[in-house]
Protein backbone atom coordinates (compact mmCIF):
# COMPACT_ATOMS: atom_id res chain seq x y z
CA MET A 1 45.20 -21.80 -68.45
CA PRO A 2 43.07 -20.59 -71.42
CA ARG A 3 42.24 -16.91 -71.61
CA GLU A 4 38.74 -15.96 -70.54
CA SER A 5 36.44 -15.36 -73.49
CA ILE A 6 35.11 -11.90 -74.32
CA ASP A 7 31.57 -13.31 -73.97
CA SER A 8 32.28 -14.32 -70.39
CA LEU A 9 33.98 -11.00 -69.61
CA ASN A 10 31.07 -9.07 -71.10
CA ASP A 11 28.63 -10.82 -68.76
CA LYS A 12 30.77 -10.12 -65.70
CA VAL A 13 31.51 -6.49 -66.58
CA VAL A 14 27.86 -5.75 -67.38
CA LYS A 15 26.80 -6.98 -63.93
CA LYS A 16 29.61 -5.09 -62.20
CA VAL A 17 28.84 -1.83 -64.01
CA LEU A 18 25.11 -2.00 -63.31
CA THR A 19 25.48 -2.93 -59.64
CA GLU A 20 28.75 -1.32 -58.49
CA THR A 21 29.29 1.60 -60.87
CA LEU A 22 25.69 2.71 -61.37
CA HIS A 23 23.99 1.20 -58.30
CA LEU A 24 20.85 0.41 -60.25
CA ARG A 25 17.65 0.31 -58.27
CA ARG A 26 14.39 -1.35 -59.23
CA GLY A 27 12.32 1.10 -61.29
CA ASP A 28 15.30 3.11 -62.60
CA SER A 29 15.25 4.26 -66.20
CA VAL A 30 18.37 3.11 -68.04
CA THR A 31 19.76 4.23 -71.39
CA VAL A 32 22.46 2.19 -73.13
CA GLU A 33 24.18 3.94 -76.04
CA THR A 34 26.45 1.93 -78.30
CA TRP A 35 28.29 1.92 -81.60
CA ASP A 36 29.03 -1.06 -83.84
CA SER A 37 31.74 -2.71 -81.74
CA GLY A 38 29.75 -2.52 -78.50
CA LEU A 39 26.49 -4.07 -79.66
CA ASP A 40 26.95 -7.39 -77.89
CA PHE A 41 27.83 -5.70 -74.60
CA ALA A 42 24.88 -3.31 -75.01
CA ARG A 43 22.39 -6.14 -75.61
CA ARG A 44 23.54 -7.85 -72.43
CA ALA A 45 23.35 -4.59 -70.47
CA VAL A 46 19.77 -3.93 -71.58
CA ALA A 47 18.69 -7.49 -70.77
CA GLU A 48 20.37 -7.44 -67.36
CA ALA A 49 18.89 -4.03 -66.46
CA ARG A 50 15.42 -5.25 -67.34
CA ALA A 51 15.98 -8.41 -65.28
CA MET A 52 16.77 -6.11 -62.33
CA GLY A 53 13.36 -4.45 -62.68
CA CYS A 54 14.51 -1.37 -64.58
CA THR A 55 13.14 0.12 -67.76
CA ALA A 56 15.91 0.11 -70.36
CA ILE A 57 16.32 1.28 -73.93
CA MET A 58 19.24 1.04 -76.36
CA ILE A 59 20.48 3.71 -78.76
CA TYR A 60 22.57 2.48 -81.67
CA GLU A 61 24.93 4.84 -83.52
CA ASP A 62 25.82 3.30 -86.88
CA GLU A 63 29.47 4.09 -87.61
CA ARG A 64 29.10 4.40 -91.39
CA ALA A 65 26.07 6.67 -91.08
CA TYR A 66 27.94 8.82 -88.56
CA VAL A 67 30.97 9.28 -90.81
CA GLU A 68 28.79 10.07 -93.83
CA GLY A 69 26.81 12.57 -91.76
CA VAL A 70 29.97 14.33 -90.60
CA ARG A 71 31.10 14.74 -94.19
CA ARG A 72 27.77 15.63 -95.84
CA ALA A 73 25.82 17.60 -93.23
CA PRO A 74 25.99 21.42 -93.12
CA GLU A 75 28.99 22.35 -91.00
CA ASP A 76 26.95 24.43 -88.55
CA SER A 77 24.76 21.43 -87.68
CA VAL A 78 27.52 18.88 -87.05
CA GLY A 79 28.40 18.14 -83.45
CA LYS A 80 25.29 19.66 -81.91
CA MET A 81 22.76 18.12 -79.55
CA GLY A 82 19.07 18.27 -80.37
CA ARG A 83 16.02 18.59 -78.17
CA ASN A 84 15.48 14.84 -78.50
CA GLU A 85 18.81 14.05 -76.86
CA PHE A 86 18.44 16.69 -74.15
CA GLY A 87 15.03 15.22 -73.36
CA LEU A 88 16.41 11.70 -73.23
CA LEU A 89 19.09 12.68 -70.70
CA ALA A 90 16.56 14.50 -68.56
CA GLY A 91 14.51 11.31 -68.27
CA THR A 92 17.39 8.92 -67.56
CA ASP A 93 18.56 7.69 -64.14
CA ALA A 94 21.55 5.69 -65.38
CA TYR A 95 23.48 5.84 -68.66
CA VAL A 96 25.85 3.28 -70.16
CA PHE A 97 27.99 4.56 -73.03
CA ILE A 98 30.12 2.37 -75.30
CA PRO A 99 31.81 4.80 -77.71
CA GLY A 100 32.76 4.11 -81.31
CA GLN A 101 36.19 3.49 -82.72
CA VAL A 102 35.99 6.54 -84.99
CA LEU A 103 35.81 8.78 -81.91
CA GLY A 104 39.16 7.56 -80.61
CA ALA A 105 42.17 9.85 -80.83
CA TYR A 106 44.10 7.16 -82.72
CA SER A 107 41.49 6.46 -85.40
CA LYS A 108 42.27 7.51 -88.95
CA THR A 109 38.71 7.13 -90.24
CA LEU A 110 37.96 10.82 -89.67
CA LYS A 111 40.43 13.62 -90.17
CA PRO A 112 41.39 15.36 -86.89
CA GLU A 113 39.38 18.45 -87.81
CA GLU A 114 36.35 16.30 -88.71
CA ARG A 115 36.52 14.44 -85.39
CA GLU A 116 36.89 17.70 -83.47
CA ARG A 117 33.93 19.26 -85.28
CA SER A 118 31.72 16.21 -84.82
CA THR A 119 32.34 16.00 -81.06
CA ARG A 120 31.70 19.65 -80.21
CA TYR A 121 28.70 18.45 -78.22
CA ASN A 122 30.91 16.97 -75.46
CA SER A 123 30.65 19.81 -72.96
CA SER A 124 26.92 20.22 -73.68
CA TRP A 125 26.35 16.52 -73.12
CA TYR A 126 28.18 16.47 -69.79
CA ASP A 127 26.43 19.65 -68.65
CA ALA A 128 23.04 18.12 -69.48
CA ALA A 129 23.98 14.83 -67.80
CA ALA A 130 25.04 16.70 -64.65
CA LYS A 131 21.84 18.74 -64.67
CA ALA A 132 19.78 15.57 -65.03
CA GLY A 133 21.59 14.03 -62.06
CA LEU A 134 22.09 10.76 -63.90
CA ARG A 135 24.74 8.18 -63.02
CA GLY A 136 26.89 7.26 -66.00
CA ALA A 137 29.55 4.76 -67.12
CA ARG A 138 31.83 5.11 -70.14
CA LEU A 139 33.35 1.83 -71.37
CA THR A 140 36.69 2.68 -72.97
CA PHE A 141 37.01 -0.63 -74.86
CA GLY A 142 34.70 0.93 -77.44
CA TYR A 143 37.50 3.20 -78.63
CA VAL A 144 39.73 0.25 -79.51
CA GLY A 145 40.08 -0.22 -83.26
CA LYS A 146 42.65 -1.47 -85.75
CA ASP A 147 44.54 1.83 -85.73
CA LEU A 148 45.18 1.79 -81.96
CA ALA A 149 45.83 -1.96 -81.94
CA GLY A 150 48.31 -1.47 -84.77
CA PHE A 151 50.23 1.14 -82.78
CA LEU A 152 50.34 -1.31 -79.86
CA GLY A 153 51.38 -4.24 -82.05
CA LYS A 154 48.40 -6.30 -80.86
CA GLU A 155 45.10 -7.67 -82.12
CA VAL A 156 41.96 -5.62 -81.49
CA GLN A 157 40.25 -8.42 -79.55
CA ASP A 158 43.27 -8.89 -77.30
CA VAL A 159 43.25 -5.20 -76.34
CA VAL A 160 39.48 -5.30 -75.74
CA ARG A 161 39.89 -8.43 -73.60
CA ALA A 162 42.58 -6.76 -71.48
CA GLN A 163 40.46 -3.67 -70.86
CA LEU A 164 37.40 -5.71 -69.94
CA ALA A 165 39.45 -7.83 -67.54
CA ALA A 166 40.81 -4.67 -65.92
CA ALA A 167 37.23 -3.50 -65.36
CA LEU A 168 36.77 -6.37 -62.89
CA VAL A 169 39.25 -4.86 -60.43
CA ASP A 170 38.24 -4.25 -56.81
CA TYR A 171 36.77 -0.73 -56.97
CA GLY A 172 37.03 -0.43 -53.21
CA GLN A 173 40.80 -0.88 -53.40
CA ILE A 174 41.05 1.96 -55.90
CA THR A 175 38.77 4.19 -53.83
CA ARG A 176 40.90 3.59 -50.74
CA ALA A 177 44.15 4.39 -52.58
CA ALA A 178 42.61 7.55 -54.03
CA GLY A 179 41.44 8.51 -50.55
CA ILE A 180 45.02 8.39 -49.27
CA ILE A 181 46.60 10.20 -52.22
CA SER A 182 44.02 12.91 -52.93
CA PRO A 183 44.48 14.89 -49.66
CA LEU A 184 48.15 15.37 -50.58
CA LEU A 185 47.32 16.94 -53.94
CA THR A 186 46.26 20.31 -52.57
CA ASP A 187 46.55 23.69 -54.27
CA GLY A 188 50.03 25.04 -53.70
CA ALA A 189 51.59 21.65 -52.95
CA LYS A 190 55.15 21.30 -54.25
CA ALA A 191 55.89 18.16 -56.25
CA GLU A 192 58.95 16.49 -57.73
CA LEU A 193 58.88 13.79 -60.40
CA LYS A 194 62.10 11.79 -60.78
CA SER A 195 62.53 9.59 -63.84
CA GLY A 196 65.96 8.04 -63.99
CA ARG A 197 68.44 10.88 -63.60
CA ALA A 198 65.90 13.50 -64.68
CA SER A 199 64.02 15.65 -62.17
CA LEU A 200 61.00 17.86 -62.78
CA THR A 201 59.58 20.14 -60.09
CA PHE A 202 56.20 21.84 -60.22
CA THR A 203 53.36 23.22 -58.12
CA LEU A 204 49.91 21.65 -58.02
CA ARG A 205 46.94 23.95 -58.50
CA GLY A 206 43.50 23.47 -59.99
CA GLU A 207 40.97 20.70 -60.47
CA LEU A 208 41.38 17.31 -58.80
CA SER A 209 39.73 14.30 -60.46
CA VAL A 210 39.27 10.79 -59.11
CA GLU A 211 38.30 7.88 -61.36
CA ASP A 212 37.41 4.97 -59.10
CA GLY A 213 34.76 3.28 -61.25
CA VAL A 214 31.85 4.44 -59.10
CA ALA A 215 29.19 7.05 -59.84
CA ASP A 216 27.68 7.59 -56.40
CA ASP A 217 25.47 10.27 -54.87
CA ASN A 218 28.46 12.46 -54.03
CA ASP A 219 29.67 12.28 -57.64
CA VAL A 220 26.21 13.32 -58.79
CA ARG A 221 26.23 16.28 -56.39
CA THR A 222 29.66 17.44 -57.58
CA GLY A 223 28.98 16.91 -61.29
CA ASN A 224 31.53 14.06 -61.62
CA ASN A 225 28.73 11.68 -62.43
CA VAL A 226 30.15 9.72 -65.38
CA ALA A 227 32.75 7.09 -64.45
CA TYR A 228 35.43 5.53 -66.64
CA VAL A 229 35.40 1.73 -66.86
CA PRO A 230 38.01 0.30 -66.38
CA PRO A 231 38.75 2.78 -63.62
CA GLY A 232 41.83 3.81 -61.77
CA PHE A 233 43.52 7.16 -61.51
CA VAL A 234 43.81 10.44 -59.63
CA SER A 235 44.70 13.57 -61.60
CA LYS A 236 45.55 17.09 -60.55
CA GLU A 237 46.19 20.22 -62.57
CA ILE A 238 49.62 21.88 -62.52
CA ALA A 239 50.15 25.60 -62.01
CA PRO A 240 50.85 26.94 -65.53
CA GLU A 241 54.27 28.53 -64.95
CA SER A 242 55.63 26.20 -62.29
CA ALA A 243 57.28 23.26 -64.09
CA ASN A 244 61.08 23.39 -64.21
CA GLY A 245 63.61 20.69 -65.04
CA SER A 246 63.33 17.57 -67.16
CA VAL A 247 61.39 14.32 -67.37
CA THR A 248 62.35 11.10 -69.12
CA LEU A 249 59.35 9.45 -70.72
CA SER A 250 58.79 5.74 -71.27
CA GLU A 251 57.04 4.42 -74.38
CA SER A 252 53.99 6.63 -74.91
CA VAL A 253 51.18 6.04 -77.40
CA THR A 254 50.18 9.16 -79.34
CA LYS A 255 47.95 9.87 -82.31
CA VAL A 256 50.99 9.74 -84.61
CA GLY A 257 52.29 6.45 -83.20
CA VAL A 258 54.42 5.26 -80.30
CA ILE A 259 57.08 7.61 -78.99
CA HIS A 260 59.90 5.66 -77.43
CA ARG A 261 62.15 6.92 -74.70
CA ALA A 262 62.28 10.75 -74.77
CA GLN A 263 63.54 13.53 -72.52
CA LEU A 264 61.59 16.77 -72.25
CA GLU A 265 62.93 19.99 -70.77
CA PHE A 266 60.67 22.58 -69.14
CA LYS A 267 61.35 26.12 -68.03
CA ASP A 268 58.78 28.23 -66.17
CA GLY A 269 56.07 25.79 -67.22
CA ARG A 270 56.85 25.73 -70.93
CA LEU A 271 58.32 22.89 -72.94
CA VAL A 272 61.56 24.32 -74.35
CA SER A 273 63.37 21.29 -75.81
CA TRP A 274 63.19 17.55 -76.36
CA GLU A 275 65.49 14.69 -77.27
CA SER A 276 64.34 11.34 -78.65
CA GLU A 277 64.87 8.84 -81.44
CA ASP A 278 61.28 9.80 -82.34
CA ARG A 279 62.08 13.50 -82.40
CA ALA A 280 60.12 14.03 -85.64
CA LYS A 281 56.94 12.61 -84.08
CA ILE A 282 57.29 14.85 -81.03
CA LYS A 283 57.92 17.86 -83.27
CA LYS A 284 54.72 17.14 -85.21
CA LEU A 285 52.65 16.86 -82.04
CA VAL A 286 54.16 19.80 -80.18
CA GLU A 287 54.21 22.22 -83.09
CA ALA A 288 50.47 21.77 -83.54
CA LEU A 289 50.26 24.07 -80.50
CA PRO A 290 51.44 27.69 -80.26
CA ALA A 291 54.68 27.93 -78.26
CA GLU A 292 52.97 29.66 -75.33
CA LYS A 293 50.53 26.74 -74.93
CA ARG A 294 53.17 23.99 -74.75
CA ARG A 295 52.93 23.60 -70.99
CA ALA A 296 52.86 20.87 -68.37
CA GLU A 297 49.23 21.15 -67.30
CA LEU A 298 48.16 17.85 -65.77
CA LEU A 299 49.60 15.09 -63.59
CA THR A 300 47.91 11.68 -63.45
CA ILE A 301 48.68 8.86 -61.02
CA GLY A 302 47.54 5.37 -62.08
CA LEU A 303 45.75 3.14 -59.55
CA ASN A 304 44.53 0.01 -61.39
CA PRO A 305 46.52 -3.13 -60.42
CA ALA A 306 44.71 -5.30 -62.99
CA LEU A 307 45.91 -3.41 -66.06
CA GLY A 308 49.38 -3.65 -67.58
CA PHE A 309 51.22 -1.30 -69.88
CA GLY A 310 50.65 -1.53 -73.60
CA TRP A 311 46.88 -2.08 -73.60
CA GLY A 312 45.77 1.42 -74.60
CA GLN A 313 45.18 2.86 -71.12
CA ASP A 314 48.65 3.37 -69.64
CA ARG A 315 47.56 6.27 -67.43
CA PHE A 316 45.34 3.84 -65.46
CA VAL A 317 48.15 1.36 -64.69
CA GLN A 318 48.95 1.23 -60.98
CA GLY A 319 52.04 3.32 -60.25
CA SER A 320 52.20 4.99 -63.66
CA LEU A 321 52.75 8.74 -63.83
CA THR A 322 51.61 10.71 -66.86
CA MET A 323 52.04 14.32 -67.87
CA ALA A 324 49.89 16.15 -70.40
CA GLY A 325 49.23 19.58 -71.88
CA PHE A 326 52.14 20.09 -74.28
CA GLY A 327 50.71 18.35 -77.35
CA PHE A 328 50.53 14.75 -76.16
CA THR A 329 50.41 12.58 -73.04
CA GLY A 330 53.75 11.22 -71.85
CA VAL A 331 54.05 8.18 -69.60
CA VAL A 332 56.65 7.50 -66.90
CA LYS A 333 56.60 3.82 -65.94
CA LYS A 334 59.11 3.66 -63.11
CA GLY A 335 59.08 7.19 -61.80
CA THR A 336 59.17 8.50 -58.24
CA LEU A 337 56.71 11.20 -57.20
CA THR A 338 57.12 13.20 -54.00
CA VAL A 339 54.50 15.73 -52.88
CA THR A 340 55.23 18.10 -49.97
CA GLY A 341 57.82 15.65 -48.65
CA SER A 342 55.60 12.56 -48.91
CA LYS A 343 56.56 9.86 -51.38
CA VAL A 344 53.43 8.90 -53.33
CA VAL A 345 55.03 6.64 -55.94
CA ALA A 346 58.47 5.04 -55.61
CA GLU A 347 60.04 3.67 -58.80
CA GLY A 348 56.67 2.85 -60.28
CA LYS A 349 55.14 1.43 -57.09
CA LEU A 350 52.39 3.09 -55.08
CA THR A 351 53.37 3.77 -51.50
CA ALA A 352 49.74 4.36 -50.46
């Protein structure tokens, strides 16, 4: 059977995002922001929103102009929002965002310090979006460029196609799975992650996030009003000094390339040692952080059954377990997670 074309997938995902993610209503004001690689999707989104009786506008961020601006503009003006953008958010009911490849963590177009400086607006943007009460969708295929595809050993269009196809998953199925898992991830809950012969224990404490592809009224009330598309994970923060033991990672994509099988050792929350054939890559990532900040901080459980490993969004894959906070994100493909005596994931399979 021939693979579905990106044109066809764009049409389907546009309709799903506008109806199921954003719940557009006749008369809504819609803003579609896109970079170079998302123009075709953005055009379709604007046309479809207008056909639904909404008022829609498109903002285009030219990638070359952005990069030149980052490098030539006064440093104190880069990465700041202006009154025009604050005003736009305040007048928007629904927002569709297709990011640019240069914003991705794997892109080499901008130096890391340039990318960090140019995206300082992130928290301000989300604060303004929450204050405006808008419903938002972020399409992650926009981050896919030749650098990420090269790490994955795939063509850019194949990675984009896989992410768009995964956006057509049954959102209700993900919401139901998240509804079963989330109540277990309470503050103070004891967890154990087994990966092969390795075992890591830790305590859950802090923010809980659910990415189910839907930005509904409850999300707007709680400030979680911008949904990832494709969707599919639950994440929970880890108490800073609680992680003890070891975890064996599967292949994990990082900004310095793919790290193959690796074993990390934690003591009282801190990463204290690691073993891997890619030891030099881990050293480069980890040593970018002060020793006291190399901690297991976040656990993510993947929920999307339509996405496979190796397509740039491994933390969304159903049954995947990822750990972050120590310099990079490490993936466990066939791990077993137990929380307060309840098995949540068994050898890479959801039990929910």
